[in-house]
Amino acid sequence: MKYGITCTICGSLFDRPKNNAKYCSDDCRRTGAQIKRQEWLDRNPDYNKIAGKRFRAGQRMERQKRHEQYLKGKKEAIERATGGKFL
């Protein structure tokens, strides 16, 4: 087995099974993923706040559409029952 690649987390030498391997073990791979995620969060601190606002705005629009459809159906039911125009 030839050694020549250094793990970016623990610094040990290993022979990579794939051409693009950076980590020597699953533990180092998980640690690397956690570090990468934390770096991304440090660069994008308001991402969750902005994404939450965008999600809630979409939910409000859907709720408003469902309510408008409900009112339209109720109005049509009243018009059918009374045989006239609902004001």
PDB file of N, CA and C in Angstrom:
ATOM      1  N   MET A   1       0.864  -1.174   0.000  1.00  0.00           N
ATOM      2  CA  MET A   1       0.000   0.000   0.000  1.00  0.00           C
ATOM      3  C   MET A   1       0.905   1.230   0.000  1.00  0.00           C
ATOM      4  N   LYS A   2       0.641   2.138  -0.892  1.00  0.00           N
ATOM      5  CA  LYS A   2       1.478   3.340  -0.917  1.00  0.00           C
ATOM      6  C   LYS A   2       0.732   4.483  -0.242  1.00  0.00           C
ATOM      7  N   TYR A   3       1.434   5.220   0.566  1.00  0.00           N
ATOM      8  CA  TYR A   3       0.867   6.355   1.270  1.00  0.00           C
ATOM      9  C   TYR A   3       1.352   7.609   0.566  1.00  0.00           C
ATOM     10  N   GLY A   4       0.525   8.576   0.506  1.00  0.00           N
ATOM     11  CA  GLY A   4       0.959   9.787  -0.142  1.00  0.00           C
ATOM     12  C   GLY A   4      -0.026  10.922   0.001  1.00  0.00           C
ATOM     13  N   ILE A   5      -1.204  10.628   0.481  1.00  0.00           N
ATOM     14  CA  ILE A   5      -2.226  11.658   0.635  1.00  0.00           C
ATOM     15  C   ILE A   5      -2.380  11.945   2.122  1.00  0.00           C
ATOM     16  N   THR A   6      -2.447  13.227   2.471  1.00  0.00           N
ATOM     17  CA  THR A   6      -2.607  13.630   3.858  1.00  0.00           C
ATOM     18  C   THR A   6      -4.071  13.980   4.116  1.00  0.00           C
ATOM     19  N   CYS A   7      -4.642  13.423   5.166  1.00  0.00           N
ATOM     20  CA  CYS A   7      -6.018  13.722   5.560  1.00  0.00           C
ATOM     21  C   CYS A   7      -6.099  15.189   5.966  1.00  0.00           C
ATOM     22  N   THR A   8      -7.123  15.891   5.465  1.00  0.00           N
ATOM     23  CA  THR A   8      -7.234  17.319   5.763  1.00  0.00           C
ATOM     24  C   THR A   8      -7.707  17.587   7.188  1.00  0.00           C
ATOM     25  N   ILE A   9      -8.200  16.581   7.887  1.00  0.00           N
ATOM     26  CA  ILE A   9      -8.680  16.765   9.257  1.00  0.00           C
ATOM     27  C   ILE A   9      -7.618  16.361  10.282  1.00  0.00           C
ATOM     28  N   CYS A  10      -7.168  15.112  10.222  1.00  0.00           N
ATOM     29  CA  CYS A  10      -6.252  14.627  11.260  1.00  0.00           C
ATOM     30  C   CYS A  10      -4.790  14.676  10.841  1.00  0.00           C
ATOM     31  N   GLY A  11      -4.527  14.834   9.554  1.00  0.00           N
ATOM     32  CA  GLY A  11      -3.150  14.946   9.091  1.00  0.00           C
ATOM     33  C   GLY A  11      -2.436  13.633   8.870  1.00  0.00           C
ATOM     34  N   SER A  12      -3.136  12.503   9.019  1.00  0.00           N
ATOM     35  CA  SER A  12      -2.478  11.214   8.807  1.00  0.00           C
ATOM     36  C   SER A  12      -2.359  10.926   7.310  1.00  0.00           C
ATOM     37  N   LEU A  13      -1.360  10.121   6.973  1.00  0.00           N
ATOM     38  CA  LEU A  13      -1.158   9.728   5.583  1.00  0.00           C
ATOM     39  C   LEU A  13      -2.025   8.519   5.281  1.00  0.00           C
ATOM     40  N   PHE A  14      -2.614   8.485   4.086  1.00  0.00           N
ATOM     41  CA  PHE A  14      -3.444   7.345   3.696  1.00  0.00           C
ATOM     42  C   PHE A  14      -3.402   7.182   2.189  1.00  0.00           C
ATOM     43  N   ASP A  15      -3.778   6.013   1.742  1.00  0.00           N
ATOM     44  CA  ASP A  15      -3.879   5.726   0.317  1.00  0.00           C
ATOM     45  C   ASP A  15      -5.336   5.886  -0.057  1.00  0.00           C
ATOM     46  N   ARG A  16      -5.633   6.806  -0.912  1.00  0.00           N
ATOM     47  CA  ARG A  16      -7.038   7.084  -1.209  1.00  0.00           C
ATOM     48  C   ARG A  16      -7.613   6.046  -2.168  1.00  0.00           C
ATOM     49  N   PRO A  17      -8.782   5.516  -1.817  1.00  0.00           N
ATOM     50  CA  PRO A  17      -9.414   4.515  -2.671  1.00  0.00           C
ATOM     51  C   PRO A  17     -10.020   5.139  -3.926  1.00  0.00           C
ATOM     52  N   LYS A  18     -10.401   6.385  -3.842  1.00  0.00           N
ATOM     53  CA  LYS A  18     -10.941   7.094  -5.000  1.00  0.00           C
ATOM     54  C   LYS A  18     -10.035   8.278  -5.296  1.00  0.00           C
ATOM     55  N   ASN A  19     -10.128   8.769  -6.489  1.00  0.00           N
ATOM     56  CA  ASN A  19      -9.224   9.819  -6.937  1.00  0.00           C
ATOM     57  C   ASN A  19      -9.443  11.144  -6.212  1.00  0.00           C
ATOM     58  N   ASN A  20     -10.633  11.374  -5.680  1.00  0.00           N
ATOM     59  CA  ASN A  20     -10.935  12.672  -5.071  1.00  0.00           C
ATOM     60  C   ASN A  20     -11.104  12.604  -3.553  1.00  0.00           C
ATOM     61  N   ALA A  21     -10.628  11.545  -2.908  1.00  0.00           N
ATOM     62  CA  ALA A  21     -10.788  11.396  -1.460  1.00  0.00           C
ATOM     63  C   ALA A  21      -9.929  12.430  -0.726  1.00  0.00           C
ATOM     64  N   LYS A  22     -10.518  13.054   0.302  1.00  0.00           N
ATOM     65  CA  LYS A  22      -9.804  14.037   1.121  1.00  0.00           C
ATOM     66  C   LYS A  22      -9.582  13.548   2.538  1.00  0.00           C
ATOM     67  N   TYR A  23     -10.381  12.579   2.959  1.00  0.00           N
ATOM     68  CA  TYR A  23     -10.374  12.156   4.348  1.00  0.00           C
ATOM     69  C   TYR A  23      -9.991  10.688   4.455  1.00  0.00           C
ATOM     70  N   CYS A  24      -9.348  10.333   5.570  1.00  0.00           N
ATOM     71  CA  CYS A  24      -8.855   8.963   5.756  1.00  0.00           C
ATOM     72  C   CYS A  24      -9.931   8.025   6.292  1.00  0.00           C
ATOM     73  N   SER A  25     -10.953   8.540   6.961  1.00  0.00           N
ATOM     74  CA  SER A  25     -11.964   7.669   7.566  1.00  0.00           C
ATOM     75  C   SER A  25     -13.315   8.359   7.566  1.00  0.00           C
ATOM     76  N   ASP A  26     -14.341   7.606   7.965  1.00  0.00           N
ATOM     77  CA  ASP A  26     -15.692   8.162   8.045  1.00  0.00           C
ATOM     78  C   ASP A  26     -15.790   9.232   9.125  1.00  0.00           C
ATOM     79  N   ASP A  27     -15.069   9.045  10.226  1.00  0.00           N
ATOM     80  CA  ASP A  27     -15.095  10.052  11.294  1.00  0.00           C
ATOM     81  C   ASP A  27     -14.528  11.383  10.799  1.00  0.00           C
ATOM     82  N   CYS A  28     -13.422  11.317  10.058  1.00  0.00           N
ATOM     83  CA  CYS A  28     -12.828  12.553   9.510  1.00  0.00           C
ATOM     84  C   CYS A  28     -13.749  13.169   8.461  1.00  0.00           C
ATOM     85  N   ARG A  29     -14.427  12.311   7.686  1.00  0.00           N
ATOM     86  CA  ARG A  29     -15.362  12.818   6.674  1.00  0.00           C
ATOM     87  C   ARG A  29     -16.523  13.562   7.340  1.00  0.00           C
ATOM     88  N   ARG A  30     -17.063  12.987   8.423  1.00  0.00           N
ATOM     89  CA  ARG A  30     -18.153  13.657   9.150  1.00  0.00           C
ATOM     90  C   ARG A  30     -17.678  14.973   9.760  1.00  0.00           C
ATOM     91  N   THR A  31     -16.507  14.964  10.343  1.00  0.00           N
ATOM     92  CA  THR A  31     -15.942  16.182  10.927  1.00  0.00           C
ATOM     93  C   THR A  31     -15.733  17.238   9.845  1.00  0.00           C
ATOM     94  N   GLY A  32     -15.233  16.817   8.683  1.00  0.00           N
ATOM     95  CA  GLY A  32     -15.040  17.745   7.565  1.00  0.00           C
ATOM     96  C   GLY A  32     -16.355  18.348   7.101  1.00  0.00           C
ATOM     97  N   ALA A  33     -17.412  17.527   7.062  1.00  0.00           N
ATOM     98  CA  ALA A  33     -18.726  18.025   6.655  1.00  0.00           C
ATOM     99  C   ALA A  33     -19.255  19.038   7.673  1.00  0.00           C
ATOM    100  N   GLN A  34     -19.040  18.774   8.969  1.00  0.00           N
ATOM    101  CA  GLN A  34     -19.481  19.711  10.002  1.00  0.00           C
ATOM    102  C   GLN A  34     -18.731  21.037   9.888  1.00  0.00           C
ATOM    103  N   ILE A  35     -17.438  20.966   9.644  1.00  0.00           N
ATOM    104  CA  ILE A  35     -16.638  22.188   9.504  1.00  0.00           C
ATOM    105  C   ILE A  35     -17.094  22.980   8.289  1.00  0.00           C
ATOM    106  N   LYS A  36     -17.312  22.276   7.183  1.00  0.00           N
ATOM    107  CA  LYS A  36     -17.755  22.940   5.957  1.00  0.00           C
ATOM    108  C   LYS A  36     -19.120  23.618   6.164  1.00  0.00           C
ATOM    109  N   ARG A  37     -20.030  22.921   6.842  1.00  0.00           N
ATOM    110  CA  ARG A  37     -21.357  23.484   7.123  1.00  0.00           C
ATOM    111  C   ARG A  37     -21.240  24.718   8.014  1.00  0.00           C
ATOM    112  N   GLN A  38     -20.395  24.665   9.038  1.00  0.00           N
ATOM    113  CA  GLN A  38     -20.234  25.809   9.938  1.00  0.00           C
ATOM    114  C   GLN A  38     -19.628  26.996   9.211  1.00  0.00           C
ATOM    115  N   GLU A  39     -18.665  26.739   8.322  1.00  0.00           N
ATOM    116  CA  GLU A  39     -18.082  27.833   7.534  1.00  0.00           C
ATOM    117  C   GLU A  39     -19.141  28.475   6.653  1.00  0.00           C
ATOM    118  N   TRP A  40     -20.016  27.649   6.062  1.00  0.00           N
ATOM    119  CA  TRP A  40     -21.083  28.192   5.213  1.00  0.00           C
ATOM    120  C   TRP A  40     -22.026  29.051   6.047  1.00  0.00           C
ATOM    121  N   LEU A  41     -22.387  28.573   7.247  1.00  0.00           N
ATOM    122  CA  LEU A  41     -23.274  29.346   8.120  1.00  0.00           C
ATOM    123  C   LEU A  41     -22.620  30.654   8.555  1.00  0.00           C
ATOM    124  N   ASP A  42     -21.302  30.641   8.761  1.00  0.00           N
ATOM    125  CA  ASP A  42     -20.594  31.872   9.123  1.00  0.00           C
ATOM    126  C   ASP A  42     -20.622  32.879   7.972  1.00  0.00           C
ATOM    127  N   ARG A  43     -20.557  32.382   6.735  1.00  0.00           N
ATOM    128  CA  ARG A  43     -20.617  33.280   5.574  1.00  0.00           C
ATOM    129  C   ARG A  43     -22.036  33.750   5.273  1.00  0.00           C
ATOM    130  N   ASN A  44     -23.058  32.989   5.688  1.00  0.00           N
ATOM    131  CA  ASN A  44     -24.463  33.300   5.406  1.00  0.00           C
ATOM    132  C   ASN A  44     -25.267  33.326   6.703  1.00  0.00           C
ATOM    133  N   PRO A  45     -25.018  34.286   7.585  1.00  0.00           N
ATOM    134  CA  PRO A  45     -25.641  34.238   8.909  1.00  0.00           C
ATOM    135  C   PRO A  45     -27.161  34.438   8.898  1.00  0.00           C
ATOM    136  N   ASP A  46     -27.697  35.142   7.916  1.00  0.00           N
ATOM    137  CA  ASP A  46     -29.131  35.428   7.892  1.00  0.00           C
ATOM    138  C   ASP A  46     -29.920  34.481   7.004  1.00  0.00           C
ATOM    139  N   TYR A  47     -29.308  33.418   6.515  1.00  0.00           N
ATOM    140  CA  TYR A  47     -29.984  32.535   5.571  1.00  0.00           C
ATOM    141  C   TYR A  47     -31.267  31.959   6.150  1.00  0.00           C
ATOM    142  N   ASN A  48     -31.207  31.401   7.358  1.00  0.00           N
ATOM    143  CA  ASN A  48     -32.386  30.764   7.945  1.00  0.00           C
ATOM    144  C   ASN A  48     -33.496  31.772   8.206  1.00  0.00           C
ATOM    145  N   LYS A  49     -33.131  32.981   8.626  1.00  0.00           N
ATOM    146  CA  LYS A  49     -34.135  34.002   8.879  1.00  0.00           C
ATOM    147  C   LYS A  49     -34.842  34.390   7.573  1.00  0.00           C
ATOM    148  N   ILE A  50     -34.079  34.597   6.524  1.00  0.00           N
ATOM    149  CA  ILE A  50     -34.643  34.991   5.232  1.00  0.00           C
ATOM    150  C   ILE A  50     -35.479  33.859   4.639  1.00  0.00           C
ATOM    151  N   ALA A  51     -34.964  32.627   4.709  1.00  0.00           N
ATOM    152  CA  ALA A  51     -35.696  31.482   4.165  1.00  0.00           C
ATOM    153  C   ALA A  51     -36.999  31.275   4.930  1.00  0.00           C
ATOM    154  N   GLY A  52     -36.984  31.481   6.239  1.00  0.00           N
ATOM    155  CA  GLY A  52     -38.204  31.344   7.031  1.00  0.00           C
ATOM    156  C   GLY A  52     -39.243  32.375   6.662  1.00  0.00           C
ATOM    157  N   LYS A  53     -38.801  33.607   6.457  1.00  0.00           N
ATOM    158  CA  LYS A  53     -39.747  34.657   6.051  1.00  0.00           C
ATOM    159  C   LYS A  53     -40.351  34.336   4.695  1.00  0.00           C
ATOM    160  N   ARG A  54     -39.522  33.860   3.764  1.00  0.00           N
ATOM    161  CA  ARG A  54     -40.009  33.516   2.432  1.00  0.00           C
ATOM    162  C   ARG A  54     -41.016  32.367   2.515  1.00  0.00           C
ATOM    163  N   PHE A  55     -40.730  31.373   3.342  1.00  0.00           N
ATOM    164  CA  PHE A  55     -41.632  30.239   3.502  1.00  0.00           C
ATOM    165  C   PHE A  55     -42.963  30.682   4.099  1.00  0.00           C
ATOM    166  N   ARG A  56     -42.906  31.502   5.157  1.00  0.00           N
ATOM    167  CA  ARG A  56     -44.148  31.947   5.803  1.00  0.00           C
ATOM    168  C   ARG A  56     -44.981  32.823   4.881  1.00  0.00           C
ATOM    169  N   ALA A  57     -44.336  33.627   4.038  1.00  0.00           N
ATOM    170  CA  ALA A  57     -45.079  34.451   3.076  1.00  0.00           C
ATOM    171  C   ALA A  57     -45.822  33.553   2.088  1.00  0.00           C
ATOM    172  N   GLY A  58     -45.179  32.500   1.638  1.00  0.00           N
ATOM    173  CA  GLY A  58     -45.842  31.558   0.734  1.00  0.00           C
ATOM    174  C   GLY A  58     -47.001  30.859   1.407  1.00  0.00           C
ATOM    175  N   GLN A  59     -46.838  30.501   2.679  1.00  0.00           N
ATOM    176  CA  GLN A  59     -47.919  29.866   3.420  1.00  0.00           C
ATOM    177  C   GLN A  59     -49.112  30.804   3.573  1.00  0.00           C
ATOM    178  N   ARG A  60     -48.823  32.088   3.842  1.00  0.00           N
ATOM    179  CA  ARG A  60     -49.905  33.071   3.950  1.00  0.00           C
ATOM    180  C   ARG A  60     -50.670  33.189   2.639  1.00  0.00           C
ATOM    181  N   MET A  61     -49.959  33.216   1.509  1.00  0.00           N
ATOM    182  CA  MET A  61     -50.619  33.336   0.209  1.00  0.00           C
ATOM    183  C   MET A  61     -51.499  32.112  -0.063  1.00  0.00           C
ATOM    184  N   GLU A  62     -51.007  30.917   0.253  1.00  0.00           N
ATOM    185  CA  GLU A  62     -51.811  29.714   0.063  1.00  0.00           C
ATOM    186  C   GLU A  62     -53.046  29.722   0.945  1.00  0.00           C
ATOM    187  N   ARG A  63     -52.885  30.134   2.199  1.00  0.00           N
ATOM    188  CA  ARG A  63     -54.009  30.192   3.126  1.00  0.00           C
ATOM    189  C   ARG A  63     -55.055  31.195   2.637  1.00  0.00           C
ATOM    190  N   GLN A  64     -54.582  32.339   2.097  1.00  0.00           N
ATOM    191  CA  GLN A  64     -55.495  33.356   1.584  1.00  0.00           C
ATOM    192  C   GLN A  64     -56.257  32.824   0.363  1.00  0.00           C
ATOM    193  N   LYS A  65     -55.576  32.095  -0.521  1.00  0.00           N
ATOM    194  CA  LYS A  65     -56.255  31.524  -1.690  1.00  0.00           C
ATOM    195  C   LYS A  65     -57.329  30.523  -1.275  1.00  0.00           C
ATOM    196  N   ARG A  66     -56.969  29.644  -0.293  1.00  0.00           N
ATOM    197  CA  ARG A  66     -57.960  28.670   0.180  1.00  0.00           C
ATOM    198  C   ARG A  66     -59.162  29.371   0.806  1.00  0.00           C
ATOM    199  N   HIS A  67     -58.919  30.453   1.536  1.00  0.00           N
ATOM    200  CA  HIS A  67     -60.011  31.185   2.167  1.00  0.00           C
ATOM    201  C   HIS A  67     -60.898  31.837   1.108  1.00  0.00           C
ATOM    202  N   GLU A  68     -60.290  32.402   0.072  1.00  0.00           N
ATOM    203  CA  GLU A  68     -61.069  33.018  -1.010  1.00  0.00           C
ATOM    204  C   GLU A  68     -61.918  31.967  -1.729  1.00  0.00           C
ATOM    205  N   GLN A  69     -61.367  30.761  -1.953  1.00  0.00           N
ATOM    206  CA  GLN A  69     -62.144  29.695  -2.578  1.00  0.00           C
ATOM    207  C   GLN A  69     -63.293  29.259  -1.678  1.00  0.00           C
ATOM    208  N   TYR A  70     -63.033  29.218  -0.385  1.00  0.00           N
ATOM    209  CA  TYR A  70     -64.080  28.858   0.573  1.00  0.00           C
ATOM    210  C   TYR A  70     -65.209  29.876   0.516  1.00  0.00           C
ATOM    211  N   LEU A  71     -64.867  31.175   0.528  1.00  0.00           N
ATOM    212  CA  LEU A  71     -65.896  32.209   0.481  1.00  0.00           C
ATOM    213  C   LEU A  71     -66.669  32.172  -0.826  1.00  0.00           C
ATOM    214  N   LYS A  72     -65.975  31.898  -1.930  1.00  0.00           N
ATOM    215  CA  LYS A  72     -66.632  31.817  -3.235  1.00  0.00           C
ATOM    216  C   LYS A  72     -67.630  30.659  -3.245  1.00  0.00           C
ATOM    217  N   GLY A  73     -67.229  29.503  -2.707  1.00  0.00           N
ATOM    218  CA  GLY A  73     -68.132  28.357  -2.641  1.00  0.00           C
ATOM    219  C   GLY A  73     -69.327  28.628  -1.749  1.00  0.00           C
ATOM    220  N   LYS A  74     -69.084  29.318  -0.651  1.00  0.00           N
ATOM    221  CA  LYS A  74     -70.186  29.659   0.260  1.00  0.00           C
ATOM    222  C   LYS A  74     -71.177  30.606  -0.425  1.00  0.00           C
ATOM    223  N   LYS A  75     -70.640  31.583  -1.154  1.00  0.00           N
ATOM    224  CA  LYS A  75     -71.484  32.538  -1.867  1.00  0.00           C
ATOM    225  C   LYS A  75     -72.328  31.820  -2.921  1.00  0.00           C
ATOM    226  N   GLU A  76     -71.708  30.904  -3.668  1.00  0.00           N
ATOM    227  CA  GLU A  76     -72.444  30.165  -4.696  1.00  0.00           C
ATOM    228  C   GLU A  76     -73.519  29.283  -4.069  1.00  0.00           C
ATOM    229  N   ALA A  77     -73.229  28.693  -2.922  1.00  0.00           N
ATOM    230  CA  ALA A  77     -74.224  27.851  -2.245  1.00  0.00           C
ATOM    231  C   ALA A  77     -75.418  28.687  -1.794  1.00  0.00           C
ATOM    232  N   ILE A  78     -75.170  29.891  -1.297  1.00  0.00           N
ATOM    233  CA  ILE A  78     -76.256  30.765  -0.864  1.00  0.00           C
ATOM    234  C   ILE A  78     -77.093  31.192  -2.060  1.00  0.00           C
ATOM    235  N   GLU A  79     -76.424  31.521  -3.179  1.00  0.00           N
ATOM    236  CA  GLU A  79     -77.145  31.920  -4.383  1.00  0.00           C
ATOM    237  C   GLU A  79     -77.997  30.778  -4.912  1.00  0.00           C
ATOM    238  N   ARG A  80     -77.491  29.553  -4.879  1.00  0.00           N
ATOM    239  CA  ARG A  80     -78.282  28.404  -5.328  1.00  0.00           C
ATOM    240  C   ARG A  80     -79.476  28.177  -4.401  1.00  0.00           C
ATOM    241  N   ALA A  81     -79.262  28.346  -3.112  1.00  0.00           N
ATOM    242  CA  ALA A  81     -80.342  28.099  -2.149  1.00  0.00           C
ATOM    243  C   ALA A  81     -81.426  29.160  -2.241  1.00  0.00           C
ATOM    244  N   THR A  82     -81.045  30.406  -2.451  1.00  0.00           N
ATOM    245  CA  THR A  82     -82.029  31.488  -2.479  1.00  0.00           C
ATOM    246  C   THR A  82     -82.566  31.740  -3.880  1.00  0.00           C
ATOM    247  N   GLY A  83     -81.852  31.235  -4.883  1.00  0.00           N
ATOM    248  CA  GLY A  83     -82.293  31.451  -6.255  1.00  0.00           C
ATOM    249  C   GLY A  83     -82.047  32.854  -6.747  1.00  0.00           C
ATOM    250  N   GLY A  84     -81.294  33.622  -6.060  1.00  0.00           N
ATOM    251  CA  GLY A  84     -81.025  34.992  -6.462  1.00  0.00           C
ATOM    252  C   GLY A  84     -79.563  35.332  -6.362  1.00  0.00           C
ATOM    253  N   LYS A  85     -79.321  36.591  -6.450  1.00  0.00           N
ATOM    254  CA  LYS A  85     -77.947  37.091  -6.395  1.00  0.00           C
ATOM    255  C   LYS A  85     -77.600  37.377  -4.953  1.00  0.00           C
ATOM    256  N   PHE A  86     -76.407  36.969  -4.566  1.00  0.00           N
ATOM    257  CA  PHE A  86     -75.917  37.240  -3.216  1.00  0.00           C
ATOM    258  C   PHE A  86     -75.156  38.548  -3.236  1.00  0.00           C
ATOM    259  N   LEU A  87     -75.491  39.430  -2.337  1.00  0.00           N
ATOM    260  CA  LEU A  87     -74.836  40.730  -2.314  1.00  0.00           C
ATOM    261  C   LEU A  87     -73.665  40.765  -1.427  1.00  0.00           C
TER     262      LEU A  87
END
